[in-house]
């Protein structure tokens, strides 16, 4: 699988490289040498699907967080792409998202999301 518009990157503990591609509406997974392993998701709005995925991060438990910008949420997935939950939804108050583009995780599992729709960053304690 070839990348078309890579945006976010993150490694997991197995040294797999996760790359979000906003044009493919997927997260592609590669080994340390760059060999393609698998793809996660597809274009759409259902759980596990993406519309313009952006920044990604890996939690201390090894779960993948994906800023699903076009769907106004951050999705949490297992490393194999199995849907766990969505964080946030469209709105203009704290904890709601318009256009999330990056995500970070603290050692304790707390999540920070940068949202360029409202030019704000949110600390989400989930």
PDB file of N, CA and C in Angstrom:
ATOM      1  N   UNK A   1       0.858  -1.184   0.000  1.00  0.00           N
ATOM      2  CA  UNK A   1       0.000   0.000   0.000  1.00  0.00           C
ATOM      3  C   UNK A   1       0.894   1.233   0.000  1.00  0.00           C
ATOM      4  N   UNK A   2       0.565   2.205  -0.830  1.00  0.00           N
ATOM      5  CA  UNK A   2       1.368   3.417  -0.956  1.00  0.00           C
ATOM      6  C   UNK A   2       0.653   4.589  -0.294  1.00  0.00           C
ATOM      7  N   UNK A   3       1.405   5.369   0.460  1.00  0.00           N
ATOM      8  CA  UNK A   3       0.868   6.571   1.096  1.00  0.00           C
ATOM      9  C   UNK A   3       0.617   7.651   0.042  1.00  0.00           C
ATOM     10  N   UNK A   4      -0.467   8.429   0.242  1.00  0.00           N
ATOM     11  CA  UNK A   4      -0.745   9.529  -0.680  1.00  0.00           C
ATOM     12  C   UNK A   4      -0.623  10.893  -0.010  1.00  0.00           C
ATOM     13  N   UNK A   5      -1.043  10.999   1.255  1.00  0.00           N
ATOM     14  CA  UNK A   5      -0.942  12.256   1.986  1.00  0.00           C
ATOM     15  C   UNK A   5      -0.763  11.954   3.473  1.00  0.00           C
ATOM     16  N   UNK A   6       0.459  11.497   3.859  1.00  0.00           N
ATOM     17  CA  UNK A   6       0.697  11.163   5.269  1.00  0.00           C
ATOM     18  C   UNK A   6       0.645  12.406   6.138  1.00  0.00           C
ATOM     19  N   UNK A   7       0.038  12.265   7.318  1.00  0.00           N
ATOM     20  CA  UNK A   7      -0.131  13.412   8.209  1.00  0.00           C
ATOM     21  C   UNK A   7       0.448  13.139   9.596  1.00  0.00           C
ATOM     22  N   UNK A   8       0.048  12.048  10.230  1.00  0.00           N
ATOM     23  CA  UNK A   8       0.491  11.753  11.591  1.00  0.00           C
ATOM     24  C   UNK A   8       1.253  10.447  11.650  1.00  0.00           C
ATOM     25  N   UNK A   9       2.175  10.355  12.616  1.00  0.00           N
ATOM     26  CA  UNK A   9       2.958   9.133  12.795  1.00  0.00           C
ATOM     27  C   UNK A   9       3.097   8.810  14.279  1.00  0.00           C
ATOM     28  N   UNK A  10       3.145   7.521  14.584  1.00  0.00           N
ATOM     29  CA  UNK A  10       3.370   7.075  15.961  1.00  0.00           C
ATOM     30  C   UNK A  10       3.878   5.633  15.930  1.00  0.00           C
ATOM     31  N   UNK A  11       4.779   5.315  16.859  1.00  0.00           N
ATOM     32  CA  UNK A  11       5.249   3.945  17.041  1.00  0.00           C
ATOM     33  C   UNK A  11       4.533   3.322  18.224  1.00  0.00           C
ATOM     34  N   UNK A  12       4.337   2.002  18.161  1.00  0.00           N
ATOM     35  CA  UNK A  12       3.841   1.279  19.333  1.00  0.00           C
ATOM     36  C   UNK A  12       5.010   0.520  19.963  1.00  0.00           C
ATOM     37  N   UNK A  13       4.743  -0.204  21.026  1.00  0.00           N
ATOM     38  CA  UNK A  13       5.794  -0.935  21.739  1.00  0.00           C
ATOM     39  C   UNK A  13       6.389  -2.062  20.902  1.00  0.00           C
ATOM     40  N   UNK A  14       5.665  -2.532  19.883  1.00  0.00           N
ATOM     41  CA  UNK A  14       6.164  -3.590  18.996  1.00  0.00           C
ATOM     42  C   UNK A  14       7.007  -3.027  17.863  1.00  0.00           C
ATOM     43  N   UNK A  15       7.263  -1.704  17.910  1.00  0.00           N
ATOM     44  CA  UNK A  15       8.016  -0.991  16.888  1.00  0.00           C
ATOM     45  C   UNK A  15       7.320  -1.001  15.532  1.00  0.00           C
ATOM     46  N   UNK A  16       5.991  -1.058  15.555  1.00  0.00           N
ATOM     47  CA  UNK A  16       5.221  -0.866  14.337  1.00  0.00           C
ATOM     48  C   UNK A  16       4.987   0.629  14.172  1.00  0.00           C
ATOM     49  N   UNK A  17       5.069   1.110  12.933  1.00  0.00           N
ATOM     50  CA  UNK A  17       4.856   2.518  12.635  1.00  0.00           C
ATOM     51  C   UNK A  17       3.446   2.706  12.085  1.00  0.00           C
ATOM     52  N   UNK A  18       2.653   3.537  12.753  1.00  0.00           N
ATOM     53  CA  UNK A  18       1.298   3.880  12.322  1.00  0.00           C
ATOM     54  C   UNK A  18       1.363   5.235  11.626  1.00  0.00           C
ATOM     55  N   UNK A  19       0.801   5.326  10.421  1.00  0.00           N
ATOM     56  CA  UNK A  19       0.812   6.570   9.651  1.00  0.00           C
ATOM     57  C   UNK A  19      -0.614   6.881   9.214  1.00  0.00           C
ATOM     58  N   UNK A  20      -1.127   8.036   9.631  1.00  0.00           N
ATOM     59  CA  UNK A  20      -2.453   8.441   9.154  1.00  0.00           C
ATOM     60  C   UNK A  20      -2.299   9.093   7.788  1.00  0.00           C
ATOM     61  N   UNK A  21      -3.208   8.767   6.871  1.00  0.00           N
ATOM     62  CA  UNK A  21      -3.199   9.321   5.522  1.00  0.00           C
ATOM     63  C   UNK A  21      -4.554   9.965   5.272  1.00  0.00           C
ATOM     64  N   UNK A  22      -4.550  11.288   5.162  1.00  0.00           N
ATOM     65  CA  UNK A  22      -5.813  12.024   5.071  1.00  0.00           C
ATOM     66  C   UNK A  22      -6.519  11.843   3.737  1.00  0.00           C
ATOM     67  N   UNK A  23      -5.799  11.497   2.675  1.00  0.00           N
ATOM     68  CA  UNK A  23      -6.460  11.271   1.381  1.00  0.00           C
ATOM     69  C   UNK A  23      -7.013   9.855   1.264  1.00  0.00           C
ATOM     70  N   UNK A  24      -6.325   8.893   1.862  1.00  0.00           N
ATOM     71  CA  UNK A  24      -6.822   7.508   1.850  1.00  0.00           C
ATOM     72  C   UNK A  24      -7.894   7.281   2.910  1.00  0.00           C
ATOM     73  N   UNK A  25      -7.977   8.184   3.901  1.00  0.00           N
ATOM     74  CA  UNK A  25      -8.913   8.048   5.032  1.00  0.00           C
ATOM     75  C   UNK A  25      -8.648   6.744   5.782  1.00  0.00           C
ATOM     76  N   UNK A  26      -7.353   6.470   5.989  1.00  0.00           N
ATOM     77  CA  UNK A  26      -6.929   5.251   6.669  1.00  0.00           C
ATOM     78  C   UNK A  26      -5.699   5.524   7.518  1.00  0.00           C
ATOM     79  N   UNK A  27      -5.396   4.564   8.372  1.00  0.00           N
ATOM     80  CA  UNK A  27      -4.110   4.516   9.052  1.00  0.00           C
ATOM     81  C   UNK A  27      -3.402   3.282   8.502  1.00  0.00           C
ATOM     82  N   UNK A  28      -2.217   3.486   7.962  1.00  0.00           N
ATOM     83  CA  UNK A  28      -1.420   2.389   7.429  1.00  0.00           C
ATOM     84  C   UNK A  28      -0.365   2.011   8.454  1.00  0.00           C
ATOM     85  N   UNK A  29      -0.060   0.721   8.541  1.00  0.00           N
ATOM     86  CA  UNK A  29       0.882   0.214   9.527  1.00  0.00           C
ATOM     87  C   UNK A  29       2.053  -0.433   8.797  1.00  0.00           C
ATOM     88  N   UNK A  30       3.274  -0.054   9.233  1.00  0.00           N
ATOM     89  CA  UNK A  30       4.507  -0.540   8.613  1.00  0.00           C
ATOM     90  C   UNK A  30       5.423  -1.112   9.682  1.00  0.00           C
ATOM     91  N   UNK A  31       6.292  -2.036   9.272  1.00  0.00           N
ATOM     92  CA  UNK A  31       7.304  -2.514  10.210  1.00  0.00           C
ATOM     93  C   UNK A  31       8.456  -1.513  10.254  1.00  0.00           C
ATOM     94  N   UNK A  32       9.421  -1.775  11.113  1.00  0.00           N
ATOM     95  CA  UNK A  32      10.527  -0.836  11.322  1.00  0.00           C
ATOM     96  C   UNK A  32      11.342  -0.590  10.050  1.00  0.00           C
ATOM     97  N   UNK A  33      11.346  -1.537   9.148  1.00  0.00           N
ATOM     98  CA  UNK A  33      12.097  -1.398   7.902  1.00  0.00           C
ATOM     99  C   UNK A  33      11.265  -0.742   6.796  1.00  0.00           C
ATOM    100  N   UNK A  34      10.010  -0.405   7.102  1.00  0.00           N
ATOM    101  CA  UNK A  34       9.162   0.253   6.108  1.00  0.00           C
ATOM    102  C   UNK A  34       8.264  -0.690   5.324  1.00  0.00           C
ATOM    103  N   UNK A  35       8.275  -1.953   5.669  1.00  0.00           N
ATOM    104  CA  UNK A  35       7.413  -2.920   4.988  1.00  0.00           C
ATOM    105  C   UNK A  35       5.961  -2.767   5.432  1.00  0.00           C
ATOM    106  N   UNK A  36       5.063  -2.771   4.459  1.00  0.00           N
ATOM    107  CA  UNK A  36       3.624  -2.617   4.743  1.00  0.00           C
ATOM    108  C   UNK A  36       3.095  -3.845   5.474  1.00  0.00           C
ATOM    109  N   UNK A  37       2.337  -3.609   6.565  1.00  0.00           N
ATOM    110  CA  UNK A  37       1.738  -4.696   7.339  1.00  0.00           C
ATOM    111  C   UNK A  37       0.224  -4.780   7.172  1.00  0.00           C
ATOM    112  N   UNK A  38      -0.464  -3.637   7.311  1.00  0.00           N
ATOM    113  CA  UNK A  38      -1.925  -3.645   7.240  1.00  0.00           C
ATOM    114  C   UNK A  38      -2.457  -2.216   7.190  1.00  0.00           C
ATOM    115  N   UNK A  39      -3.735  -2.116   6.869  1.00  0.00           N
ATOM    116  CA  UNK A  39      -4.433  -0.831   6.899  1.00  0.00           C
ATOM    117  C   UNK A  39      -5.556  -0.898   7.921  1.00  0.00           C
ATOM    118  N   UNK A  40      -5.842   0.240   8.527  1.00  0.00           N
ATOM    119  CA  UNK A  40      -6.912   0.354   9.508  1.00  0.00           C
ATOM    120  C   UNK A  40      -7.912   1.372   9.013  1.00  0.00           C
ATOM    121  N   UNK A  41      -9.180   0.991   9.007  1.00  0.00           N
ATOM    122  CA  UNK A  41     -10.253   1.915   8.666  1.00  0.00           C
ATOM    123  C   UNK A  41     -10.478   2.088   7.178  1.00  0.00           C
ATOM    124  N   UNK A  42     -11.471   2.929   6.900  1.00  0.00           N
ATOM    125  CA  UNK A  42     -11.839   3.286   5.537  1.00  0.00           C
ATOM    126  C   UNK A  42     -12.630   4.589   5.614  1.00  0.00           C
ATOM    127  N   UNK A  43     -12.944   5.162   4.468  1.00  0.00           N
ATOM    128  CA  UNK A  43     -13.682   6.419   4.443  1.00  0.00           C
ATOM    129  C   UNK A  43     -15.107   6.210   4.944  1.00  0.00           C
ATOM    130  N   UNK A  44     -15.546   7.044   5.881  1.00  0.00           N
ATOM    131  CA  UNK A  44     -16.907   6.955   6.385  1.00  0.00           C
ATOM    132  C   UNK A  44     -17.043   7.606   7.741  1.00  0.00           C
ATOM    133  N   UNK A  45     -18.207   7.446   8.334  1.00  0.00           N
ATOM    134  CA  UNK A  45     -18.480   8.076   9.633  1.00  0.00           C
ATOM    135  C   UNK A  45     -18.877   7.076  10.716  1.00  0.00           C
ATOM    136  N   UNK A  46     -18.908   5.805  10.392  1.00  0.00           N
ATOM    137  CA  UNK A  46     -19.230   4.778  11.378  1.00  0.00           C
ATOM    138  C   UNK A  46     -18.034   4.545  12.300  1.00  0.00           C
ATOM    139  N   UNK A  47     -18.227   3.893  13.425  1.00  0.00           N
ATOM    140  CA  UNK A  47     -17.098   3.562  14.297  1.00  0.00           C
ATOM    141  C   UNK A  47     -16.028   2.786  13.524  1.00  0.00           C
ATOM    142  N   UNK A  48     -14.779   3.223  13.683  1.00  0.00           N
ATOM    143  CA  UNK A  48     -13.673   2.581  12.977  1.00  0.00           C
ATOM    144  C   UNK A  48     -13.435   3.105  11.573  1.00  0.00           C
ATOM    145  N   UNK A  49     -14.283   4.015  11.112  1.00  0.00           N
ATOM    146  CA  UNK A  49     -14.094   4.654   9.814  1.00  0.00           C
ATOM    147  C   UNK A  49     -13.622   6.086  10.027  1.00  0.00           C
ATOM    148  N   UNK A  50     -12.966   6.664   9.016  1.00  0.00           N
ATOM    149  CA  UNK A  50     -12.384   7.993   9.144  1.00  0.00           C
ATOM    150  C   UNK A  50     -12.797   8.914   8.008  1.00  0.00           C
ATOM    151  N   UNK A  51     -12.793  10.200   8.316  1.00  0.00           N
ATOM    152  CA  UNK A  51     -12.952  11.254   7.309  1.00  0.00           C
ATOM    153  C   UNK A  51     -11.861  12.282   7.604  1.00  0.00           C
ATOM    154  N   UNK A  52     -10.767  12.183   6.849  1.00  0.00           N
ATOM    155  CA  UNK A  52      -9.626  13.085   6.982  1.00  0.00           C
ATOM    156  C   UNK A  52      -8.890  12.883   8.312  1.00  0.00           C
ATOM    157  N   UNK A  53      -8.349  11.679   8.557  1.00  0.00           N
ATOM    158  CA  UNK A  53      -7.602  11.454   9.795  1.00  0.00           C
ATOM    159  C   UNK A  53      -6.343  12.301   9.838  1.00  0.00           C
ATOM    160  N   UNK A  54      -6.009  12.776  11.024  1.00  0.00           N
ATOM    161  CA  UNK A  54      -4.858  13.662  11.211  1.00  0.00           C
ATOM    162  C   UNK A  54      -3.890  13.054  12.221  1.00  0.00           C
ATOM    163  N   UNK A  55      -3.610  13.752  13.319  1.00  0.00           N
ATOM    164  CA  UNK A  55      -2.639  13.303  14.302  1.00  0.00           C
ATOM    165  C   UNK A  55      -3.031  12.001  14.971  1.00  0.00           C
ATOM    166  N   UNK A  56      -2.026  11.236  15.369  1.00  0.00           N
ATOM    167  CA  UNK A  56      -2.251   9.957  16.030  1.00  0.00           C
ATOM    168  C   UNK A  56      -1.285   9.820  17.207  1.00  0.00           C
ATOM    169  N   UNK A  57      -1.658   8.981  18.151  1.00  0.00           N
ATOM    170  CA  UNK A  57      -0.807   8.697  19.314  1.00  0.00           C
ATOM    171  C   UNK A  57      -1.134   7.294  19.807  1.00  0.00           C
ATOM    172  N   UNK A  58      -0.232   6.748  20.600  1.00  0.00           N
ATOM    173  CA  UNK A  58      -0.424   5.425  21.197  1.00  0.00           C
ATOM    174  C   UNK A  58      -0.475   5.601  22.713  1.00  0.00           C
ATOM    175  N   UNK A  59      -1.483   5.001  23.342  1.00  0.00           N
ATOM    176  CA  UNK A  59      -1.661   5.095  24.790  1.00  0.00           C
ATOM    177  C   UNK A  59      -0.701   4.139  25.505  1.00  0.00           C
ATOM    178  N   UNK A  60      -0.536   4.295  26.813  1.00  0.00           N
ATOM    179  CA  UNK A  60       0.313   3.360  27.565  1.00  0.00           C
ATOM    180  C   UNK A  60      -0.156   1.906  27.458  1.00  0.00           C
ATOM    181  N   UNK A  61      -1.466   1.707  27.216  1.00  0.00           N
ATOM    182  CA  UNK A  61      -2.009   0.341  27.045  1.00  0.00           C
ATOM    183  C   UNK A  61      -1.798  -0.188  25.633  1.00  0.00           C
ATOM    184  N   UNK A  62      -1.263   0.638  24.745  1.00  0.00           N
ATOM    185  CA  UNK A  62      -1.030   0.205  23.366  1.00  0.00           C
ATOM    186  C   UNK A  62      -2.187   0.483  22.432  1.00  0.00           C
ATOM    187  N   UNK A  63      -3.194   1.223  22.886  1.00  0.00           N
ATOM    188  CA  UNK A  63      -4.310   1.585  22.016  1.00  0.00           C
ATOM    189  C   UNK A  63      -3.908   2.755  21.123  1.00  0.00           C
ATOM    190  N   UNK A  64      -4.504   2.814  19.949  1.00  0.00           N
ATOM    191  CA  UNK A  64      -4.241   3.878  18.989  1.00  0.00           C
ATOM    192  C   UNK A  64      -5.308   4.957  19.110  1.00  0.00           C
ATOM    193  N   UNK A  65      -4.887   6.222  19.187  1.00  0.00           N
ATOM    194  CA  UNK A  65      -5.801   7.360  19.161  1.00  0.00           C
ATOM    195  C   UNK A  65      -5.639   8.055  17.820  1.00  0.00           C
ATOM    196  N   UNK A  66      -6.756   8.305  17.134  1.00  0.00           N
ATOM    197  CA  UNK A  66      -6.723   8.924  15.817  1.00  0.00           C
ATOM    198  C   UNK A  66      -7.630  10.147  15.816  1.00  0.00           C
ATOM    199  N   UNK A  67      -7.061  11.309  15.469  1.00  0.00           N
ATOM    200  CA  UNK A  67      -7.880  12.512  15.281  1.00  0.00           C
ATOM    201  C   UNK A  67      -8.648  12.346  13.980  1.00  0.00           C
ATOM    202  N   UNK A  68      -9.930  12.120  14.103  1.00  0.00           N
ATOM    203  CA  UNK A  68     -10.820  11.912  12.958  1.00  0.00           C
ATOM    204  C   UNK A  68     -11.459  13.268  12.641  1.00  0.00           C
ATOM    205  N   UNK A  69     -10.680  14.120  11.980  1.00  0.00           N
ATOM    206  CA  UNK A  69     -11.019  15.531  11.842  1.00  0.00           C
ATOM    207  C   UNK A  69     -12.382  15.780  11.210  1.00  0.00           C
ATOM    208  N   UNK A  70     -12.686  15.126  10.121  1.00  0.00           N
ATOM    209  CA  UNK A  70     -13.946  15.352   9.420  1.00  0.00           C
ATOM    210  C   UNK A  70     -15.172  14.860  10.162  1.00  0.00           C
ATOM    211  N   UNK A  71     -14.959  13.945  11.106  1.00  0.00           N
ATOM    212  CA  UNK A  71     -16.063  13.431  11.922  1.00  0.00           C
ATOM    213  C   UNK A  71     -16.082  14.057  13.321  1.00  0.00           C
ATOM    214  N   UNK A  72     -15.210  15.051  13.569  1.00  0.00           N
ATOM    215  CA  UNK A  72     -15.233  15.846  14.804  1.00  0.00           C
ATOM    216  C   UNK A  72     -15.055  14.996  16.061  1.00  0.00           C
ATOM    217  N   UNK A  73     -14.093  14.074  16.028  1.00  0.00           N
ATOM    218  CA  UNK A  73     -13.898  13.174  17.159  1.00  0.00           C
ATOM    219  C   UNK A  73     -12.472  12.636  17.158  1.00  0.00           C
ATOM    220  N   UNK A  74     -12.114  12.021  18.256  1.00  0.00           N
ATOM    221  CA  UNK A  74     -10.895  11.220  18.347  1.00  0.00           C
ATOM    222  C   UNK A  74     -11.366   9.795  18.579  1.00  0.00           C
ATOM    223  N   UNK A  75     -10.869   8.881  17.761  1.00  0.00           N
ATOM    224  CA  UNK A  75     -11.254   7.482  17.932  1.00  0.00           C
ATOM    225  C   UNK A  75     -10.138   6.716  18.635  1.00  0.00           C
ATOM    226  N   UNK A  76     -10.541   5.837  19.528  1.00  0.00           N
ATOM    227  CA  UNK A  76      -9.606   4.935  20.195  1.00  0.00           C
ATOM    228  C   UNK A  76      -9.820   3.544  19.618  1.00  0.00           C
ATOM    229  N   UNK A  77      -8.727   2.932  19.168  1.00  0.00           N
ATOM    230  CA  UNK A  77      -8.767   1.628  18.518  1.00  0.00           C
ATOM    231  C   UNK A  77      -7.705   0.723  19.116  1.00  0.00           C
ATOM    232  N   UNK A  78      -7.922  -0.573  19.035  1.00  0.00           N
ATOM    233  CA  UNK A  78      -6.867  -1.517  19.344  1.00  0.00           C
ATOM    234  C   UNK A  78      -5.855  -1.486  18.207  1.00  0.00           C
ATOM    235  N   UNK A  79      -4.675  -2.059  18.435  1.00  0.00           N
ATOM    236  CA  UNK A  79      -3.620  -2.035  17.410  1.00  0.00           C
ATOM    237  C   UNK A  79      -4.026  -2.714  16.116  1.00  0.00           C
ATOM    238  N   UNK A  80      -4.992  -3.628  16.177  1.00  0.00           N
ATOM    239  CA  UNK A  80      -5.454  -4.310  14.963  1.00  0.00           C
ATOM    240  C   UNK A  80      -6.586  -3.552  14.268  1.00  0.00           C
ATOM    241  N   UNK A  81      -7.000  -2.405  14.833  1.00  0.00           N
ATOM    242  CA  UNK A  81      -8.052  -1.594  14.232  1.00  0.00           C
ATOM    243  C   UNK A  81      -9.419  -1.794  14.845  1.00  0.00           C
ATOM    244  N   UNK A  82      -9.546  -2.683  15.806  1.00  0.00           N
ATOM    245  CA  UNK A  82     -10.833  -2.901  16.464  1.00  0.00           C
ATOM    246  C   UNK A  82     -11.246  -1.639  17.216  1.00  0.00           C
ATOM    247  N   UNK A  83     -12.473  -1.191  16.960  1.00  0.00           N
ATOM    248  CA  UNK A  83     -12.994   0.027  17.581  1.00  0.00           C
ATOM    249  C   UNK A  83     -13.190  -0.164  19.076  1.00  0.00           C
ATOM    250  N   UNK A  84     -12.742   0.830  19.865  1.00  0.00           N
ATOM    251  CA  UNK A  84     -12.938   0.821  21.313  1.00  0.00           C
ATOM    252  C   UNK A  84     -13.971   1.873  21.697  1.00  0.00           C
ATOM    253  N   UNK A  85     -13.736   3.148  21.303  1.00  0.00           N
ATOM    254  CA  UNK A  85     -14.660   4.219  21.653  1.00  0.00           C
ATOM    255  C   UNK A  85     -14.304   5.485  20.877  1.00  0.00           C
ATOM    256  N   UNK A  86     -15.224   6.441  20.921  1.00  0.00           N
ATOM    257  CA  UNK A  86     -14.995   7.778  20.375  1.00  0.00           C
ATOM    258  C   UNK A  86     -14.942   8.770  21.518  1.00  0.00           C
ATOM    259  N   UNK A  87     -14.097   9.761  21.369  1.00  0.00           N
ATOM    260  CA  UNK A  87     -13.960  10.832  22.338  1.00  0.00           C
ATOM    261  C   UNK A  87     -14.361  12.123  21.640  1.00  0.00           C
ATOM    262  N   UNK A  88     -15.293  12.843  22.236  1.00  0.00           N
ATOM    263  CA  UNK A  88     -15.728  14.116  21.670  1.00  0.00           C
ATOM    264  C   UNK A  88     -16.773  13.968  20.584  1.00  0.00           C
ATOM    265  N   UNK A  89     -17.369  15.096  20.261  1.00  0.00           N
ATOM    266  CA  UNK A  89     -18.325  15.199  19.164  1.00  0.00           C
ATOM    267  C   UNK A  89     -18.397  16.673  18.796  1.00  0.00           C
ATOM    268  N   UNK A  90     -19.138  17.000  17.756  1.00  0.00           N
ATOM    269  CA  UNK A  90     -19.191  18.368  17.266  1.00  0.00           C
ATOM    270  C   UNK A  90     -19.827  19.296  18.285  1.00  0.00           C
ATOM    271  N   UNK A  91     -19.128  20.381  18.584  1.00  0.00           N
ATOM    272  CA  UNK A  91     -19.653  21.370  19.508  1.00  0.00           C
ATOM    273  C   UNK A  91     -18.625  22.435  19.810  1.00  0.00           C
ATOM    274  N   UNK A  92     -19.055  23.493  20.487  1.00  0.00           N
ATOM    275  CA  UNK A  92     -18.174  24.632  20.733  1.00  0.00           C
ATOM    276  C   UNK A  92     -17.831  24.845  22.201  1.00  0.00           C
ATOM    277  N   UNK A  93     -18.103  23.873  23.055  1.00  0.00           N
ATOM    278  CA  UNK A  93     -17.749  24.012  24.457  1.00  0.00           C
ATOM    279  C   UNK A  93     -16.647  23.014  24.792  1.00  0.00           C
ATOM    280  N   UNK A  94     -16.034  23.175  25.950  1.00  0.00           N
ATOM    281  CA  UNK A  94     -14.921  22.316  26.333  1.00  0.00           C
ATOM    282  C   UNK A  94     -15.331  20.848  26.321  1.00  0.00           C
ATOM    283  N   UNK A  95     -14.471  20.032  25.755  1.00  0.00           N
ATOM    284  CA  UNK A  95     -14.748  18.611  25.637  1.00  0.00           C
ATOM    285  C   UNK A  95     -15.411  18.228  24.336  1.00  0.00           C
ATOM    286  N   UNK A  96     -15.931  19.224  23.602  1.00  0.00           N
ATOM    287  CA  UNK A  96     -16.502  18.998  22.281  1.00  0.00           C
ATOM    288  C   UNK A  96     -15.495  19.476  21.246  1.00  0.00           C
ATOM    289  N   UNK A  97     -15.573  18.935  20.057  1.00  0.00           N
ATOM    290  CA  UNK A  97     -14.554  19.188  19.039  1.00  0.00           C
ATOM    291  C   UNK A  97     -15.178  19.651  17.734  1.00  0.00           C
ATOM    292  N   UNK A  98     -14.438  20.475  17.002  1.00  0.00           N
ATOM    293  CA  UNK A  98     -14.866  20.839  15.649  1.00  0.00           C
ATOM    294  C   UNK A  98     -13.920  20.239  14.614  1.00  0.00           C
ATOM    295  N   UNK A  99     -12.630  20.427  14.824  1.00  0.00           N
ATOM    296  CA  UNK A  99     -11.659  20.011  13.821  1.00  0.00           C
ATOM    297  C   UNK A  99     -10.364  19.534  14.499  1.00  0.00           C
ATOM    298  N   UNK A 100     -10.429  18.409  15.221  1.00  0.00           N
ATOM    299  CA  UNK A 100      -9.237  17.944  15.935  1.00  0.00           C
ATOM    300  C   UNK A 100      -8.129  17.551  14.962  1.00  0.00           C
ATOM    301  N   UNK A 101      -6.910  18.072  15.217  1.00  0.00           N
ATOM    302  CA  UNK A 101      -5.826  17.757  14.285  1.00  0.00           C
ATOM    303  C   UNK A 101      -4.608  17.122  14.931  1.00  0.00           C
ATOM    304  N   UNK A 102      -4.525  17.134  16.258  1.00  0.00           N
ATOM    305  CA  UNK A 102      -3.405  16.437  16.885  1.00  0.00           C
ATOM    306  C   UNK A 102      -3.804  15.968  18.278  1.00  0.00           C
ATOM    307  N   UNK A 103      -3.136  14.934  18.731  1.00  0.00           N
ATOM    308  CA  UNK A 103      -3.451  14.320  20.020  1.00  0.00           C
ATOM    309  C   UNK A 103      -2.152  13.861  20.676  1.00  0.00           C
ATOM    310  N   UNK A 104      -2.107  13.966  21.992  1.00  0.00           N
ATOM    311  CA  UNK A 104      -0.950  13.493  22.760  1.00  0.00           C
ATOM    312  C   UNK A 104      -1.456  12.789  24.007  1.00  0.00           C
ATOM    313  N   UNK A 105      -0.641  11.891  24.525  1.00  0.00           N
ATOM    314  CA  UNK A 105      -1.017  11.116  25.701  1.00  0.00           C
ATOM    315  C   UNK A 105       0.080  11.230  26.753  1.00  0.00           C
ATOM    316  N   UNK A 106      -0.304  11.548  28.001  1.00  0.00           N
ATOM    317  CA  UNK A 106       0.628  11.556  29.109  1.00  0.00           C
ATOM    318  C   UNK A 106       0.842  10.128  29.600  1.00  0.00           C
ATOM    319  N   UNK A 107       1.883   9.930  30.392  1.00  0.00           N
ATOM    320  CA  UNK A 107       2.187   8.600  30.931  1.00  0.00           C
ATOM    321  C   UNK A 107       1.037   8.011  31.717  1.00  0.00           C
ATOM    322  N   UNK A 108       0.224   8.885  32.366  1.00  0.00           N
ATOM    323  CA  UNK A 108      -0.895   8.380  33.166  1.00  0.00           C
ATOM    324  C   UNK A 108      -2.132   8.073  32.320  1.00  0.00           C
ATOM    325  N   UNK A 109      -2.034   8.257  30.999  1.00  0.00           N
ATOM    326  CA  UNK A 109      -3.150   7.959  30.103  1.00  0.00           C
ATOM    327  C   UNK A 109      -4.048   9.140  29.800  1.00  0.00           C
ATOM    328  N   UNK A 110      -3.805  10.290  30.425  1.00  0.00           N
ATOM    329  CA  UNK A 110      -4.599  11.490  30.121  1.00  0.00           C
ATOM    330  C   UNK A 110      -4.324  11.930  28.682  1.00  0.00           C
ATOM    331  N   UNK A 111      -5.338  12.497  28.061  1.00  0.00           N
ATOM    332  CA  UNK A 111      -5.278  12.832  26.634  1.00  0.00           C
ATOM    333  C   UNK A 111      -5.395  14.335  26.443  1.00  0.00           C
ATOM    334  N   UNK A 112      -4.568  14.887  25.558  1.00  0.00           N
ATOM    335  CA  UNK A 112      -4.675  16.289  25.146  1.00  0.00           C
ATOM    336  C   UNK A 112      -4.986  16.315  23.655  1.00  0.00           C
ATOM    337  N   UNK A 113      -5.944  17.163  23.260  1.00  0.00           N
ATOM    338  CA  UNK A 113      -6.345  17.272  21.860  1.00  0.00           C
ATOM    339  C   UNK A 113      -6.216  18.722  21.411  1.00  0.00           C
ATOM    340  N   UNK A 114      -5.563  18.946  20.285  1.00  0.00           N
ATOM    341  CA  UNK A 114      -5.503  20.269  19.674  1.00  0.00           C
ATOM    342  C   UNK A 114      -6.576  20.336  18.594  1.00  0.00           C
ATOM    343  N   UNK A 115      -7.401  21.362  18.657  1.00  0.00           N
ATOM    344  CA  UNK A 115      -8.534  21.520  17.742  1.00  0.00           C
ATOM    345  C   UNK A 115      -8.363  22.838  16.992  1.00  0.00           C
ATOM    346  N   UNK A 116      -8.091  22.774  15.685  1.00  0.00           N
ATOM    347  CA  UNK A 116      -7.863  24.022  14.954  1.00  0.00           C
ATOM    348  C   UNK A 116      -9.155  24.696  14.505  1.00  0.00           C
ATOM    349  N   UNK A 117     -10.288  24.058  14.684  1.00  0.00           N
ATOM    350  CA  UNK A 117     -11.559  24.697  14.374  1.00  0.00           C
ATOM    351  C   UNK A 117     -11.880  25.812  15.341  1.00  0.00           C
ATOM    352  N   UNK A 118     -11.491  25.628  16.588  1.00  0.00           N
ATOM    353  CA  UNK A 118     -11.734  26.644  17.611  1.00  0.00           C
ATOM    354  C   UNK A 118     -10.437  27.255  18.103  1.00  0.00           C
ATOM    355  N   UNK A 119      -9.293  26.875  17.474  1.00  0.00           N
ATOM    356  CA  UNK A 119      -7.977  27.374  17.872  1.00  0.00           C
ATOM    357  C   UNK A 119      -7.754  27.175  19.362  1.00  0.00           C
ATOM    358  N   UNK A 120      -8.074  25.981  19.847  1.00  0.00           N
ATOM    359  CA  UNK A 120      -7.929  25.672  21.255  1.00  0.00           C
ATOM    360  C   UNK A 120      -7.316  24.292  21.443  1.00  0.00           C
ATOM    361  N   UNK A 121      -6.777  24.086  22.607  1.00  0.00           N
ATOM    362  CA  UNK A 121      -6.324  22.765  23.018  1.00  0.00           C
ATOM    363  C   UNK A 121      -7.134  22.364  24.236  1.00  0.00           C
ATOM    364  N   UNK A 122      -7.488  21.110  24.299  1.00  0.00           N
ATOM    365  CA  UNK A 122      -8.263  20.592  25.410  1.00  0.00           C
ATOM    366  C   UNK A 122      -7.500  19.493  26.113  1.00  0.00           C
ATOM    367  N   UNK A 123      -7.554  19.500  27.415  1.00  0.00           N
ATOM    368  CA  UNK A 123      -7.044  18.408  28.219  1.00  0.00           C
ATOM    369  C   UNK A 123      -8.252  17.575  28.592  1.00  0.00           C
ATOM    370  N   UNK A 124      -8.280  16.352  28.093  1.00  0.00           N
ATOM    371  CA  UNK A 124      -9.425  15.479  28.320  1.00  0.00           C
ATOM    372  C   UNK A 124      -8.981  14.331  29.222  1.00  0.00           C
ATOM    373  N   UNK A 125      -9.543  14.249  30.379  1.00  0.00           N
ATOM    374  CA  UNK A 125      -9.166  13.215  31.329  1.00  0.00           C
ATOM    375  C   UNK A 125     -10.134  12.052  31.190  1.00  0.00           C
ATOM    376  N   UNK A 126      -9.869  11.148  30.258  1.00  0.00           N
ATOM    377  CA  UNK A 126     -10.738  10.004  30.014  1.00  0.00           C
ATOM    378  C   UNK A 126     -10.111   8.751  30.528  1.00  0.00           C
TER     379      UNK A 126
END
